[in-house]
Protein backbone atom coordinates (compact mmCIF):
# COMPACT_ATOMS: atom_id res chain seq x y z
CA MET A 1 32.89 -45.93 -11.22
CA LEU A 2 32.27 -46.63 -7.62
CA PHE A 3 28.82 -47.24 -6.25
CA LEU A 4 27.65 -47.35 -2.63
CA ALA A 5 24.54 -49.30 -1.75
CA LEU A 6 22.32 -46.64 -0.01
CA THR A 7 21.59 -48.45 3.05
CA PRO A 8 20.34 -46.78 6.14
CA ARG A 9 23.67 -47.23 7.68
CA VAL A 10 25.36 -45.50 4.84
CA LEU A 11 22.76 -42.55 4.71
CA LEU A 12 23.03 -42.18 8.44
CA CYS A 13 26.96 -41.92 8.17
CA VAL A 14 26.76 -39.45 5.27
CA GLY A 15 24.14 -37.32 7.36
CA ILE A 16 26.54 -37.29 10.38
CA VAL A 17 29.47 -36.14 8.27
CA MET A 18 27.62 -33.46 6.48
CA ALA A 19 26.24 -32.13 10.07
CA VAL A 20 29.65 -32.05 11.54
CA ALA A 21 31.13 -30.61 8.37
CA GLN A 22 28.60 -27.88 8.41
CA SER A 23 28.69 -26.91 12.13
CA ASP A 24 30.79 -23.98 13.34
CA GLY A 25 30.87 -25.36 16.86
CA PRO A 26 29.23 -27.30 19.39
CA PRO A 27 25.44 -27.42 19.08
CA LYS A 28 23.62 -24.57 20.88
CA ILE A 29 21.62 -25.23 24.10
CA CYS A 30 18.20 -24.04 24.61
CA TYR A 31 16.81 -22.87 27.83
CA ASN A 32 13.47 -22.54 29.47
CA TYR A 33 12.49 -19.01 31.01
CA ASP A 34 13.81 -20.03 34.41
CA GLY A 35 17.26 -20.68 33.06
CA THR A 36 17.21 -24.39 32.98
CA SER A 37 18.37 -26.21 29.98
CA ASN A 38 15.67 -28.05 27.81
CA PRO A 39 16.91 -30.97 25.47
CA ASP A 40 13.46 -31.17 24.02
CA LEU A 41 13.95 -27.72 22.33
CA ILE A 42 15.95 -27.17 19.02
CA PRO A 43 17.19 -23.47 17.92
CA CYS A 44 15.11 -22.21 15.27
CA TYR A 45 18.21 -20.25 13.63
CA PRO A 46 21.27 -22.43 14.67
CA ASP A 47 23.64 -20.17 12.74
CA ALA A 48 22.45 -16.96 14.73
CA GLU A 49 24.22 -15.73 17.75
CA GLU A 50 21.10 -16.16 19.70
CA SER A 51 17.81 -17.84 18.68
CA ILE A 52 14.46 -18.68 19.78
CA CYS A 53 13.81 -22.34 20.44
CA CYS A 54 10.83 -24.55 19.51
CA PRO A 55 10.04 -28.30 20.23
CA GLY A 56 11.46 -30.54 17.65
CA ALA A 57 10.37 -33.83 16.22
CA GLY A 58 7.61 -32.12 13.87
CA ARG A 59 5.65 -30.95 17.12
CA SER A 60 5.80 -27.49 16.35
CA LEU A 61 7.17 -24.82 13.75
CA CYS A 62 9.19 -21.83 14.27
CA VAL A 63 7.40 -18.49 13.53
CA ASP A 64 9.10 -15.20 12.39
CA ASN A 65 7.49 -13.31 15.57
CA GLY A 66 9.59 -15.39 17.90
CA LEU A 67 6.86 -17.86 18.73
CA CYS A 68 6.18 -21.68 18.12
CA ILE A 69 3.22 -22.75 16.51
CA TRP A 70 2.12 -26.31 17.48
CA THR A 71 1.12 -28.59 14.76
CA ASN A 72 -1.52 -30.50 16.65
CA ASP A 73 -3.69 -27.60 17.35
CA PHE A 74 -2.13 -24.66 15.93
CA SER A 75 -1.66 -22.87 19.29
CA LEU A 76 1.14 -20.31 19.72
CA ASP A 77 3.88 -20.79 22.60
CA ARG A 78 7.04 -19.04 23.58
CA ALA A 79 9.14 -22.09 24.03
CA GLY A 80 12.86 -21.29 24.82
CA CYS A 81 15.89 -19.39 23.74
CA THR A 82 19.59 -20.07 23.45
CA ASP A 83 20.39 -17.35 25.84
CA ALA A 84 19.83 -18.74 29.36
CA SER A 85 19.39 -15.12 30.92
CA TRP A 86 16.41 -14.27 28.31
CA GLU A 87 18.07 -10.88 27.81
CA ALA A 88 19.06 -11.17 23.99
CA ASP A 89 16.70 -9.40 21.68
CA GLU A 90 15.86 -12.68 20.12
CA CYS A 91 14.22 -14.14 23.14
CA VAL A 92 10.45 -13.28 23.23
CA ASN A 93 9.47 -12.18 26.52
CA LEU A 94 5.73 -12.29 25.94
CA CYS A 95 3.81 -13.76 29.08
CA PRO A 96 6.95 -14.73 30.86
CA VAL A 97 5.23 -16.02 33.99
CA ARG A 98 2.86 -18.60 33.65
CA GLN A 99 -0.30 -18.01 35.50
CA ASN A 100 -2.83 -21.06 36.23
CA ALA A 101 -6.26 -20.51 35.55
CA THR A 102 -8.61 -20.64 38.83
């Protein structure tokens, strides 16, 4: 029987191979409402044709209503979408223009 030591390097390589094997194509890009790409966002539903996007790294969670909930203060936000034009039904168009409080 062959045993591999589960070092961080081995685990990283296995994770990369699994991610590539499960991928149906290039990773989806998330866009801000103005159409600019935002590498800090990740698609909530990567297998869907279009998806809402939320900040990654445990900063927020995707909610079924198309919003993101921030884990630090539980506020809701509309972060991004994989459709740069934001015309897909999956893109939430609530409060599309940020208004500064005066």
